[in-house]
Protein backbone atom coordinates (compact mmCIF):
# COMPACT_ATOMS: atom_id res chain seq x y z
CA MET A 1 167.23 109.78 79.92
CA ILE A 2 166.28 111.74 83.05
CA GLU A 3 165.25 114.73 80.95
CA ASP A 4 163.04 112.47 78.82
CA GLY A 5 161.40 111.09 81.98
CA GLU A 6 160.73 114.57 83.30
CA ALA A 7 159.28 115.66 79.96
CA HIS A 8 157.08 112.55 79.91
CA THR A 9 155.88 113.24 83.47
CA ILE A 10 155.11 116.87 82.65
CA GLY A 11 153.22 115.69 79.54
CA LEU A 12 151.16 113.26 81.65
CA LEU A 13 150.37 115.98 84.18
CA GLN A 14 149.22 118.27 81.37
CA GLU A 15 146.94 115.53 80.00
CA LEU A 16 145.51 114.93 83.48
CA ARG A 17 144.83 118.66 83.88
CA GLU A 18 143.05 118.81 80.51
CA LEU A 19 140.97 115.73 81.36
CA ALA A 20 140.01 117.23 84.74
CA GLU A 21 138.83 120.39 82.99
CA GLN A 22 136.74 118.36 80.52
CA ILE A 23 135.16 116.39 83.40
CA SER A 24 134.45 119.63 85.26
CA ASP A 25 132.74 121.16 82.23
CA GLY A 26 130.68 117.99 81.70
CA HIS A 27 129.72 117.90 85.38
CA MET A 28 128.30 121.40 85.21
CA ASP A 29 126.27 120.49 82.12
CA TYR A 30 124.85 117.40 83.82
CA ALA A 31 124.12 119.31 87.01
CA GLN A 32 122.18 121.92 85.02
CA LYS A 33 120.16 119.24 83.16
CA PHE A 34 119.46 117.42 86.44
CA HIS A 35 118.28 120.67 88.07
CA LYS A 36 115.93 121.38 85.15
CA LEU A 37 114.40 117.90 85.44
CA LEU A 38 113.91 118.35 89.18
CA GLN A 39 112.11 121.62 88.53
CA LYS A 40 109.76 119.88 86.07
CA VAL A 41 108.90 117.17 88.62
CA ARG A 42 108.42 119.79 91.33
CA ASN A 43 105.52 121.26 89.36
CA PRO A 44 102.38 119.74 90.96
CA ASN A 45 100.44 120.02 87.69
CA LEU A 46 102.93 117.96 85.61
CA PRO A 47 101.03 118.44 82.34
CA GLU A 48 103.08 116.20 80.04
CA VAL A 49 103.63 113.41 82.56
CA ALA A 50 100.20 113.26 84.15
CA THR A 51 98.66 111.08 81.45
CA ASP A 52 101.45 108.47 81.52
CA PHE A 53 102.09 107.98 85.23
CA GLY A 54 99.18 107.38 87.57
CA PHE A 55 100.91 107.37 90.97
CA ARG A 56 102.07 110.55 92.70
CA VAL A 57 103.75 111.10 96.05
CA PHE A 58 103.46 114.60 97.45
CA SER A 59 103.31 116.54 100.69
CA MET A 60 100.39 118.53 102.03
CA GLU A 61 100.83 121.99 103.50
CA PRO A 62 99.44 121.75 107.06
CA GLU A 63 98.17 125.30 107.43
CA VAL A 64 96.35 125.63 104.12
CA GLY A 65 95.70 122.02 103.15
CA GLU A 66 97.14 122.53 99.67
CA ARG A 67 99.51 120.30 97.78
CA GLY A 68 103.17 120.97 98.56
CA ARG A 69 106.16 119.43 96.84
CA THR A 70 105.85 116.41 94.57
CA ILE A 71 108.70 113.96 95.09
CA ALA A 72 107.65 111.06 92.85
CA VAL A 73 105.54 110.47 89.78
CA CYS A 74 105.56 106.87 88.61
CA ALA A 75 103.59 104.10 86.98
CA ASN A 76 104.40 101.45 89.58
CA ILE A 77 102.75 101.21 93.01
CA THR A 78 105.81 99.52 94.50
CA ILE A 79 108.02 102.45 93.55
CA ALA A 80 105.40 104.93 94.76
CA VAL A 81 105.11 103.24 98.16
CA ALA A 82 108.90 103.08 98.50
CA ALA A 83 109.17 106.80 97.75
CA TRP A 84 106.34 107.50 100.23
CA GLU A 85 108.03 105.44 102.97
CA CYS A 86 111.35 107.23 102.41
CA ALA A 87 109.65 110.63 102.56
CA CYS A 88 107.86 109.67 105.78
CA LYS A 89 111.15 108.61 107.38
CA ILE A 90 113.17 111.60 106.18
CA PHE A 91 110.47 114.20 106.89
CA PRO A 92 108.37 112.64 109.69
CA LYS A 93 106.61 115.89 110.61
CA ASP A 94 105.26 116.41 107.09
CA ARG A 95 102.08 114.81 105.78
CA TRP A 96 102.81 112.59 102.75
CA ILE A 97 100.20 111.22 100.37
CA VAL A 98 100.24 108.65 97.56
CA THR A 99 97.50 109.00 94.98
CA TRP A 100 96.49 106.88 92.04
CA GLY A 101 94.47 109.01 89.70
CA GLY A 102 92.26 110.92 92.12
CA LEU A 103 92.22 108.24 94.82
CA VAL A 104 94.33 108.43 97.97
CA GLN A 105 96.20 105.15 98.41
CA TYR A 106 98.44 106.04 101.38
CA ASP A 107 98.31 109.00 103.75
CA SER A 108 100.83 109.48 106.58
CA GLY A 109 98.30 111.67 108.40
CA ARG A 110 95.66 108.93 108.48
CA ALA A 111 95.68 106.13 111.06
CA GLY A 112 96.50 102.70 109.68
CA THR A 113 98.62 103.85 106.73
CA SER A 114 101.73 105.05 108.54
CA SER A 115 105.09 103.99 107.16
CA ARG A 116 106.54 100.74 108.36
C-alpha cells in the first residue's frame, strides 16, 4: 500500500509539472500577443482604429511640441477622461491631452482642465 501511495504521489507531481509547463508556454504566447497590441496602440497614427474611435489620450513632448505616446483610444468620453486622469496622476510632469476628432477636450497644461 505504501508503494502505491508513493507511486500515486509521484504521478501527481509529474502531472503538476506538465501542467506548469503548459501554463508557462501559454503565458509566453499571451505576453507576446499583448506586447504586439501595445505596440499597435503606441502608434500615434493608428490607421485602422482612427475611424472607429474618436477619443484619444496622448502626451505632448515639451521641447518640440509633438505628440508623444498614446495611452488610450476609445469611443467613450468617460473612459477617455478616466484614462487622462490616471495619466495625469501617474505622470504629473507630463502634458496629457484628450482629443475628440481634432478638438482638444482636456489638456493638463491648460488652466481649468487639470485632473481632479
